[in-house]
Amino acid sequence: MIIYNVTLKVENTVADAWVDWMKAEHMPELMSTGLFLDCRLCRLLEQDELEGVTYAAQYFCDSIDQYNTYIDSYATAMRDKAFKMFGGKFVAFRTVMEII
């Protein structure tokens, strides 16, 4: 199983709206691709939140091929929507992990 993990630092001024958007729009749209089995949104604890709140969005799929299909076919458009909604009010760091 593959975990596509996106860790984000979201400015405090938009954090609540960003969470609402993630749960109501972004994550359901990503899941509608049919490439992922499950997803979750976590808030990191014990982090300095002066510059923003840190979250981890995790998406689970069966294979690296499914992940690559997402990246090749959907990721750019999905990222563009996030930037259109929240501009420079967040930064993201992406990792891909394999469950052993």
C-alpha atoms as a PDB file:
ATOM      1  CA  MET A   1       0.000   0.000   0.000  1.00  0.00           C
ATOM      2  CA  ILE A   2       1.179   3.505  -0.887  1.00  0.00           C
ATOM      3  CA  ILE A   3       0.586   6.644   1.173  1.00  0.00           C
ATOM      4  CA  TYR A   4       0.724   9.969  -0.617  1.00  0.00           C
ATOM      5  CA  ASN A   5       1.339  12.454   2.201  1.00  0.00           C
ATOM      6  CA  VAL A   6       1.038  16.213   1.778  1.00  0.00           C
ATOM      7  CA  THR A   7       2.229  18.218   4.773  1.00  0.00           C
ATOM      8  CA  LEU A   8       1.057  21.819   4.701  1.00  0.00           C
ATOM      9  CA  LYS A   9       1.639  24.958   6.721  1.00  0.00           C
ATOM     10  CA  VAL A  10      -1.486  27.103   6.369  1.00  0.00           C
ATOM     11  CA  GLU A  11      -1.629  30.731   7.495  1.00  0.00           C
ATOM     12  CA  ASN A  12      -3.765  31.267  10.579  1.00  0.00           C
ATOM     13  CA  THR A  13      -5.983  33.782   8.765  1.00  0.00           C
ATOM     14  CA  VAL A  14      -7.290  31.118   6.347  1.00  0.00           C
ATOM     15  CA  ALA A  15      -6.799  27.884   8.313  1.00  0.00           C
ATOM     16  CA  ASP A  16     -10.486  27.322   9.143  1.00  0.00           C
ATOM     17  CA  ALA A  17     -11.646  28.085   5.601  1.00  0.00           C
ATOM     18  CA  TRP A  18      -8.877  25.860   4.222  1.00  0.00           C
ATOM     19  CA  VAL A  19      -9.962  22.912   6.414  1.00  0.00           C
ATOM     20  CA  ASP A  20     -13.578  23.381   5.320  1.00  0.00           C
ATOM     21  CA  TRP A  21     -12.515  23.468   1.659  1.00  0.00           C
ATOM     22  CA  MET A  22     -10.313  20.398   2.039  1.00  0.00           C
ATOM     23  CA  LYS A  23     -13.091  18.357   3.656  1.00  0.00           C
ATOM     24  CA  ALA A  24     -15.965  19.546   1.446  1.00  0.00           C
ATOM     25  CA  GLU A  25     -14.259  19.911  -1.937  1.00  0.00           C
ATOM     26  CA  HIS A  26     -10.621  18.988  -2.411  1.00  0.00           C
ATOM     27  CA  MET A  27     -10.453  15.601  -0.727  1.00  0.00           C
ATOM     28  CA  PRO A  28     -13.790  14.376  -2.178  1.00  0.00           C
ATOM     29  CA  GLU A  29     -12.655  15.472  -5.652  1.00  0.00           C
ATOM     30  CA  LEU A  30      -9.373  13.622  -5.262  1.00  0.00           C
ATOM     31  CA  MET A  31     -11.204  10.519  -4.062  1.00  0.00           C
ATOM     32  CA  SER A  32     -13.549  10.740  -7.059  1.00  0.00           C
ATOM     33  CA  THR A  33     -10.609   9.919  -9.343  1.00  0.00           C
ATOM     34  CA  GLY A  34     -11.055   6.298  -8.209  1.00  0.00           C
ATOM     35  CA  LEU A  35      -7.311   5.940  -7.683  1.00  0.00           C
ATOM     36  CA  PHE A  36      -7.296   6.143  -3.877  1.00  0.00           C
ATOM     37  CA  LEU A  37      -8.927   3.867  -1.317  1.00  0.00           C
ATOM     38  CA  ASP A  38      -9.073   6.247   1.638  1.00  0.00           C
ATOM     39  CA  CYS A  39      -7.897   9.608   2.890  1.00  0.00           C
ATOM     40  CA  ARG A  40      -7.479  11.487   6.129  1.00  0.00           C
ATOM     41  CA  LEU A  41      -6.676  14.984   7.274  1.00  0.00           C
ATOM     42  CA  CYS A  42      -4.585  15.402  10.421  1.00  0.00           C
ATOM     43  CA  ARG A  43      -3.489  18.442  12.379  1.00  0.00           C
ATOM     44  CA  LEU A  44       0.037  18.166  13.697  1.00  0.00           C
ATOM     45  CA  LEU A  45       0.295  18.780  17.411  1.00  0.00           C
ATOM     46  CA  GLU A  46       3.163  20.297  19.367  1.00  0.00           C
ATOM     47  CA  GLN A  47       4.082  22.570  16.450  1.00  0.00           C
ATOM     48  CA  ASP A  48       4.866  26.280  16.557  1.00  0.00           C
ATOM     49  CA  GLU A  49       1.716  27.886  15.145  1.00  0.00           C
ATOM     50  CA  LEU A  50       2.870  31.505  15.075  1.00  0.00           C
ATOM     51  CA  GLU A  51       3.242  31.377  11.290  1.00  0.00           C
ATOM     52  CA  GLY A  52       0.367  28.994  10.666  1.00  0.00           C
ATOM     53  CA  VAL A  53      -1.199  25.643  11.415  1.00  0.00           C
ATOM     54  CA  THR A  54       0.453  22.441  10.164  1.00  0.00           C
ATOM     55  CA  TYR A  55      -1.654  19.688   8.624  1.00  0.00           C
ATOM     56  CA  ALA A  56      -0.996  16.368   6.927  1.00  0.00           C
ATOM     57  CA  ALA A  57      -3.362  15.178   4.216  1.00  0.00           C
ATOM     58  CA  GLN A  58      -2.879  11.480   3.552  1.00  0.00           C
ATOM     59  CA  TYR A  59      -4.202   9.510   0.595  1.00  0.00           C
ATOM     60  CA  PHE A  60      -3.957   5.721   0.385  1.00  0.00           C
ATOM     61  CA  CYS A  61      -3.734   3.652  -2.798  1.00  0.00           C
ATOM     62  CA  ASP A  62      -2.888   0.074  -3.699  1.00  0.00           C
ATOM     63  CA  SER A  63       0.067   0.688  -5.990  1.00  0.00           C
ATOM     64  CA  ILE A  64       2.708   3.141  -7.106  1.00  0.00           C
ATOM     65  CA  ASP A  65       1.129   2.922 -10.575  1.00  0.00           C
ATOM     66  CA  GLN A  66      -2.121   4.378  -9.228  1.00  0.00           C
ATOM     67  CA  TYR A  67      -0.178   7.156  -7.501  1.00  0.00           C
ATOM     68  CA  ASN A  68       1.728   7.883 -10.745  1.00  0.00           C
ATOM     69  CA  THR A  69      -1.541   8.005 -12.690  1.00  0.00           C
ATOM     70  CA  TYR A  70      -2.823  10.602 -10.217  1.00  0.00           C
ATOM     71  CA  ILE A  71       0.350  12.672 -10.550  1.00  0.00           C
ATOM     72  CA  ASP A  72       0.351  12.462 -14.362  1.00  0.00           C
ATOM     73  CA  SER A  73      -3.371  13.019 -14.932  1.00  0.00           C
ATOM     74  CA  TYR A  74      -4.786  15.030 -12.028  1.00  0.00           C
ATOM     75  CA  ALA A  75      -2.201  16.591  -9.704  1.00  0.00           C
ATOM     76  CA  THR A  76      -1.494  19.773 -11.646  1.00  0.00           C
ATOM     77  CA  ALA A  77      -5.159  20.728 -11.938  1.00  0.00           C
ATOM     78  CA  MET A  78      -5.796  19.898  -8.281  1.00  0.00           C
ATOM     79  CA  ARG A  79      -2.833  21.995  -7.138  1.00  0.00           C
ATOM     80  CA  ASP A  80      -3.915  24.875  -9.383  1.00  0.00           C
ATOM     81  CA  LYS A  81      -7.334  24.904  -7.688  1.00  0.00           C
ATOM     82  CA  ALA A  82      -5.683  25.110  -4.268  1.00  0.00           C
ATOM     83  CA  PHE A  83      -3.536  28.044  -5.352  1.00  0.00           C
ATOM     84  CA  LYS A  84      -6.552  29.752  -6.928  1.00  0.00           C
ATOM     85  CA  MET A  85      -8.465  29.431  -3.643  1.00  0.00           C
ATOM     86  CA  PHE A  86      -5.670  30.252  -1.182  1.00  0.00           C
ATOM     87  CA  GLY A  87      -2.831  31.771  -3.193  1.00  0.00           C
ATOM     88  CA  GLY A  88       0.374  32.111  -1.226  1.00  0.00           C
ATOM     89  CA  LYS A  89      -1.307  31.452   2.113  1.00  0.00           C
ATOM     90  CA  PHE A  90       0.133  27.939   2.419  1.00  0.00           C
ATOM     91  CA  VAL A  91       3.218  25.907   1.631  1.00  0.00           C
ATOM     92  CA  ALA A  92       3.215  22.182   0.908  1.00  0.00           C
ATOM     93  CA  PHE A  93       5.762  19.401   1.190  1.00  0.00           C
ATOM     94  CA  ARG A  94       4.906  16.112  -0.491  1.00  0.00           C
ATOM     95  CA  THR A  95       6.193  12.617   0.287  1.00  0.00           C
ATOM     96  CA  VAL A  96       5.309   9.154  -0.935  1.00  0.00           C
ATOM     97  CA  MET A  97       5.607   6.217   1.438  1.00  0.00           C
ATOM     98  CA  GLU A  98       5.145   2.488   1.186  1.00  0.00           C
ATOM     99  CA  ILE A  99       3.589   0.544   4.033  1.00  0.00           C
ATOM    100  CA  ILE A 100       5.898  -2.357   4.850  1.00  0.00           C
END
